Amino acid sequence: MNLNKSMAAIVLAAVLAASVPSSVMGSTSQLTDSLKLSVEKAAALADAPLKSRIISSFSELSSLLTQESALDGTIKNVHYGNEEAVIAVRKQITVIDADKVAQLETKLQMTKDKYKPMFVLYSSVSGTKAATAEIRLAVQLAREDIKLKEKQLKAAKDEKAKKIKDIRVILSGIDSVKVQIKSAKSAVDIPKKRYSAEWSDFKQLLKKKDAKRTADSLSALVSLTRQVIEQKKGINTLETKISGIIAKAKAQIPAK
């Protein structure tokens, strides 16, 4: 009989150990080796159905906490990726059509410089017989040439401003999603706080070796962790939505 109990304890320990991945059993996890040992002892004292329930609930909790940890990593990566991407896009839009505008500004200045001597000459002879019809016509054409280039420059600047404005309108869609994320994070806090309280109770029940209430507490922890995961999946979806908004904005940036 003693041999059978010893073998059962060894098998139980092996099952519980296998149910807790090394990443979960690390220093950052609540599921420490000491806790696992306490669960093993509580399960060993229970009848077969209750023992099975404790083992399965503990295994599920371990799995769910691993999922939550992985989800946290994914959310963090997407979030910081979004932060870097939106900074890059905002920087890129400031130089949209910069070369085109610069070229037109240069052309305008060169045109003004080209006609400057003629304008000086015309100014000196204006109102005199030296101001011939040919000179007046040349000055008129020069002024029209300058006005044309000024018009082209203004059109290019207006087009640039419109492109930037349109992209910024797209990016403004991020704000409403961030509000949703903030709300979702607040929603996560509710089951998290309940989990924290339940976790304290769970550890006390283990010390008391109350198998029935330990099993009930484990079930509650599993349920709360599921709720947290569902909320965090929603946050991940929203972060991914922001990625889509940034991608849409980036697609509007003209290729050089």
Protein backbone atom coordinates (compact mmCIF):
# COMPACT_ATOMS: atom_id res chain seq x y z
CA MET A 1 0.00 0.00 0.00
CA ASN A 2 2.80 2.41 0.99
CA LEU A 3 4.59 1.52 -2.23
CA ASN A 4 1.45 2.31 -4.24
CA LYS A 5 1.07 5.69 -2.53
CA SER A 6 4.70 6.50 -3.21
CA MET A 7 4.34 5.62 -6.87
CA ALA A 8 1.16 7.71 -7.12
CA ALA A 9 2.95 10.70 -5.60
CA ILE A 10 5.82 10.32 -8.08
CA VAL A 11 3.42 10.15 -11.03
CA LEU A 12 1.47 13.17 -9.74
CA ALA A 13 4.66 15.19 -9.38
CA ALA A 14 5.68 14.28 -12.91
CA VAL A 15 2.30 15.34 -14.33
CA LEU A 16 2.36 18.69 -12.54
CA ALA A 17 5.96 19.36 -13.58
CA ALA A 18 5.12 18.64 -17.19
CA SER A 19 2.13 20.97 -17.02
CA VAL A 20 4.26 23.99 -16.10
CA PRO A 21 6.50 25.23 -18.94
CA SER A 22 9.91 26.48 -17.90
CA SER A 23 9.01 30.01 -18.96
CA VAL A 24 6.10 30.03 -16.55
CA MET A 25 8.09 28.55 -13.69
CA GLY A 26 10.72 31.28 -13.90
CA SER A 27 11.33 34.02 -11.34
CA THR A 28 8.79 36.30 -12.98
CA SER A 29 5.99 33.76 -12.56
CA GLN A 30 3.68 33.10 -9.67
CA LEU A 31 3.94 29.38 -10.31
CA THR A 32 7.15 28.72 -8.41
CA ASP A 33 8.60 25.31 -7.59
CA SER A 34 7.50 25.81 -3.98
CA LEU A 35 3.93 26.48 -5.05
CA LYS A 36 3.94 23.49 -7.39
CA LEU A 37 5.02 21.30 -4.50
CA SER A 38 2.15 22.64 -2.37
CA VAL A 39 -0.31 21.85 -5.14
CA GLU A 40 1.10 18.34 -5.40
CA LYS A 41 0.56 17.81 -1.66
CA ALA A 42 -3.00 19.16 -1.80
CA ALA A 43 -3.84 16.91 -4.74
CA ALA A 44 -2.27 13.87 -3.10
CA LEU A 45 -4.62 14.23 -0.13
CA ALA A 46 -7.75 14.44 -2.30
CA ASP A 47 -9.93 11.65 -3.63
CA ALA A 48 -9.55 10.61 -7.27
CA PRO A 49 -12.14 12.99 -8.85
CA LEU A 50 -10.93 15.99 -6.86
CA LYS A 51 -7.30 15.11 -7.52
CA SER A 52 -8.03 15.00 -11.24
CA ARG A 53 -9.76 18.37 -11.04
CA ILE A 54 -6.84 19.98 -9.22
CA ILE A 55 -4.31 18.58 -11.68
CA SER A 56 -6.30 19.60 -14.76
CA SER A 57 -7.09 23.10 -13.40
CA PHE A 58 -3.48 23.71 -12.43
CA SER A 59 -2.33 22.52 -15.84
CA GLU A 60 -4.85 24.78 -17.58
CA LEU A 61 -3.88 27.76 -15.43
CA SER A 62 -0.23 27.17 -16.33
CA SER A 63 -1.10 27.04 -20.02
CA LEU A 64 -3.26 30.17 -19.83
CA LEU A 65 -0.58 32.16 -18.01
CA THR A 66 1.88 31.17 -20.73
CA GLN A 67 -0.61 32.37 -23.35
CA GLU A 68 -1.08 35.62 -21.48
CA SER A 69 2.66 36.18 -21.26
CA ALA A 70 3.07 35.55 -24.99
CA LEU A 71 0.17 37.88 -25.73
CA ASP A 72 1.74 40.58 -23.58
CA GLY A 73 4.91 40.25 -25.66
CA THR A 74 2.98 40.50 -28.91
CA ILE A 75 1.05 43.57 -27.75
CA LYS A 76 4.26 45.23 -26.58
CA ASN A 77 6.03 44.56 -29.88
CA VAL A 78 3.12 45.82 -31.99
CA HIS A 79 2.68 48.88 -29.79
CA TYR A 80 6.31 49.98 -29.94
CA GLY A 81 6.42 49.12 -33.64
CA ASN A 82 3.46 51.45 -34.14
CA GLU A 83 5.11 54.22 -32.13
CA GLU A 84 8.25 54.03 -34.26
CA ALA A 85 6.30 53.74 -37.53
CA VAL A 86 4.07 56.75 -36.88
CA ILE A 87 7.10 58.89 -35.99
CA ALA A 88 8.74 57.84 -39.27
CA VAL A 89 5.60 58.61 -41.29
CA ARG A 90 5.20 62.04 -39.68
CA LYS A 91 8.82 62.77 -40.53
CA GLN A 92 8.42 61.54 -44.12
CA ILE A 93 5.37 63.68 -44.85
CA THR A 94 7.24 66.87 -44.01
CA VAL A 95 9.47 66.33 -47.05
CA ILE A 96 6.71 65.39 -49.51
CA ASP A 97 7.38 67.11 -52.87
CA ALA A 98 10.28 68.96 -51.23
CA ASP A 99 12.49 68.53 -54.32
CA LYS A 100 9.72 69.69 -56.64
CA VAL A 101 9.05 72.82 -54.59
CA ALA A 102 12.78 73.53 -54.25
CA GLN A 103 13.26 73.27 -58.03
CA LEU A 104 10.39 75.66 -58.68
CA GLU A 105 11.74 78.11 -56.10
CA THR A 106 15.12 77.98 -57.81
CA LYS A 107 13.56 78.53 -61.24
CA LEU A 108 11.60 81.51 -59.93
CA GLN A 109 14.67 83.09 -58.38
CA MET A 110 16.75 82.48 -61.51
CA THR A 111 14.00 84.07 -63.63
CA LYS A 112 13.88 87.13 -61.37
CA ASP A 113 17.68 87.41 -61.49
CA LYS A 114 17.65 87.10 -65.27
CA TYR A 115 15.18 89.97 -65.71
CA LYS A 116 16.57 92.18 -62.96
CA PRO A 117 18.98 94.15 -65.21
CA MET A 118 16.15 94.84 -67.67
CA PHE A 119 13.86 96.03 -64.88
CA VAL A 120 16.62 98.35 -63.61
CA LEU A 121 17.09 99.72 -67.12
CA TYR A 122 13.37 100.18 -67.65
CA SER A 123 13.06 101.94 -64.31
CA SER A 124 15.74 104.42 -65.34
CA VAL A 125 14.16 105.26 -68.71
CA SER A 126 10.48 104.97 -67.78
CA GLY A 127 8.63 108.12 -68.78
CA THR A 128 11.28 109.14 -71.31
CA LYS A 129 11.52 108.72 -75.06
CA ALA A 130 14.05 105.93 -74.43
CA ALA A 131 11.24 103.77 -73.08
CA THR A 132 10.40 102.30 -76.44
CA ALA A 133 7.51 100.01 -77.20
CA GLU A 134 9.94 97.13 -77.54
CA ILE A 135 11.28 97.67 -74.01
CA ARG A 136 7.77 97.98 -72.56
CA LEU A 137 6.74 94.78 -74.31
CA ALA A 138 9.84 92.95 -73.07
CA VAL A 139 9.14 94.10 -69.51
CA GLN A 140 5.53 93.00 -69.78
CA LEU A 141 6.55 89.55 -71.02
CA ALA A 142 9.15 89.26 -68.26
CA ARG A 143 6.56 90.11 -65.62
CA GLU A 144 4.18 87.53 -67.09
CA ASP A 145 6.97 84.93 -67.04
CA ILE A 146 7.65 85.65 -63.37
CA LYS A 147 3.93 85.52 -62.53
CA LEU A 148 3.64 82.17 -64.29
CA LYS A 149 6.50 80.70 -62.27
CA GLU A 150 5.06 82.17 -59.08
CA LYS A 151 1.74 80.54 -59.93
CA GLN A 152 3.46 77.20 -60.57
CA LEU A 153 5.29 77.45 -57.24
CA LYS A 154 2.10 78.30 -55.36
CA ALA A 155 0.27 75.37 -57.00
CA ALA A 156 3.07 73.00 -55.99
CA LYS A 157 3.03 74.29 -52.40
CA ASP A 158 -0.77 73.99 -52.24
CA GLU A 159 -0.59 70.44 -53.60
CA LYS A 160 2.07 69.56 -51.04
CA ALA A 161 0.00 71.02 -48.22
CA LYS A 162 -3.06 69.05 -49.36
CA LYS A 163 -1.13 65.78 -49.48
CA ILE A 164 0.22 66.37 -45.98
CA LYS A 165 -3.21 67.33 -44.67
CA ASP A 166 -4.85 64.22 -46.18
CA ILE A 167 -2.26 61.94 -44.61
CA ARG A 168 -2.59 63.67 -41.25
CA VAL A 169 -6.36 63.16 -41.43
CA ILE A 170 -5.73 59.42 -41.89
CA LEU A 171 -3.31 59.38 -38.94
CA SER A 172 -5.83 61.22 -36.78
CA GLY A 173 -7.85 58.00 -36.82
CA ILE A 174 -5.27 56.61 -34.39
CA ASP A 175 -6.55 58.86 -31.62
CA SER A 176 -9.97 57.22 -31.37
CA VAL A 177 -8.37 53.76 -31.36
CA LYS A 178 -6.06 54.80 -28.52
CA VAL A 179 -9.12 55.84 -26.54
CA GLN A 180 -10.54 52.35 -27.10
CA ILE A 181 -7.24 50.80 -25.98
CA LYS A 182 -7.27 52.88 -22.81
CA SER A 183 -10.81 51.70 -22.10
CA ALA A 184 -9.84 48.07 -22.80
CA LYS A 185 -6.89 48.31 -20.42
CA SER A 186 -9.22 49.61 -17.71
CA ALA A 187 -11.49 46.64 -18.38
CA VAL A 188 -8.51 44.28 -17.90
CA ASP A 189 -7.89 45.76 -14.47
CA ILE A 190 -11.22 44.40 -13.17
CA PRO A 191 -10.47 40.65 -13.52
CA LYS A 192 -6.83 41.35 -12.69
CA LYS A 193 -7.77 42.78 -9.30
CA ARG A 194 -10.11 39.88 -8.67
CA TYR A 195 -7.33 37.50 -9.70
CA SER A 196 -4.93 39.11 -7.24
CA ALA A 197 -7.40 38.67 -4.37
CA GLU A 198 -8.23 35.11 -5.43
CA TRP A 199 -4.53 34.28 -5.70
CA SER A 200 -3.96 35.32 -2.09
CA ASP A 201 -6.87 33.13 -1.00
CA PHE A 202 -5.54 30.25 -3.09
CA LYS A 203 -2.15 30.32 -1.36
CA GLN A 204 -3.80 30.33 2.04
CA LEU A 205 -5.97 27.36 1.09
CA LEU A 206 -2.87 25.44 0.03
CA LYS A 207 -1.35 25.99 3.46
CA LYS A 208 -4.54 24.69 5.04
CA LYS A 209 -4.47 21.68 2.68
CA ASP A 210 -8.16 22.23 1.89
CA ALA A 211 -8.41 20.23 -1.35
CA LYS A 212 -12.03 21.11 -2.18
CA ARG A 213 -11.65 24.84 -1.76
CA THR A 214 -8.24 24.71 -3.44
CA ALA A 215 -9.88 23.12 -6.49
CA ASP A 216 -12.63 25.79 -6.44
CA SER A 217 -10.03 28.55 -6.17
CA LEU A 218 -8.04 27.11 -9.07
CA SER A 219 -11.21 27.04 -11.18
CA ALA A 220 -11.81 30.72 -10.33
CA LEU A 221 -8.23 31.62 -11.27
CA VAL A 222 -8.63 29.81 -14.60
CA SER A 223 -11.87 31.68 -15.32
CA LEU A 224 -10.36 35.07 -14.45
CA THR A 225 -7.26 34.40 -16.54
CA ARG A 226 -9.46 33.54 -19.51
CA GLN A 227 -11.24 36.86 -19.08
CA VAL A 228 -7.94 38.71 -18.98
CA ILE A 229 -6.74 36.95 -22.14
CA GLU A 230 -9.92 37.81 -24.01
CA GLN A 231 -9.56 41.47 -23.03
CA LYS A 232 -5.92 41.50 -24.08
CA LYS A 233 -6.79 39.89 -27.40
CA GLY A 234 -9.04 42.88 -27.93
CA ILE A 235 -6.16 45.22 -27.14
CA ASN A 236 -3.95 43.36 -29.60
CA THR A 237 -6.66 43.72 -32.27
CA LEU A 238 -6.79 47.47 -31.63
CA GLU A 239 -2.99 47.81 -31.81
CA THR A 240 -3.11 45.91 -35.10
CA LYS A 241 -5.80 48.33 -36.28
CA ILE A 242 -3.40 51.19 -35.60
CA SER A 243 -0.79 49.36 -37.68
CA GLY A 244 -3.30 49.31 -40.53
CA ILE A 245 -3.96 53.05 -40.22
CA ILE A 246 -0.24 53.79 -40.31
CA ALA A 247 0.20 51.53 -43.35
CA LYS A 248 -2.66 53.33 -45.13
CA ALA A 249 -1.09 56.70 -44.39
CA LYS A 250 2.33 55.53 -45.54
CA ALA A 251 0.85 54.28 -48.81
CA GLN A 252 -0.23 57.87 -49.58
CA ILE A 253 3.34 59.16 -49.45
CA PRO A 254 4.54 59.64 -53.05
CA ALA A 255 7.54 57.60 -54.08
CA LYS A 256 10.62 59.65 -54.78
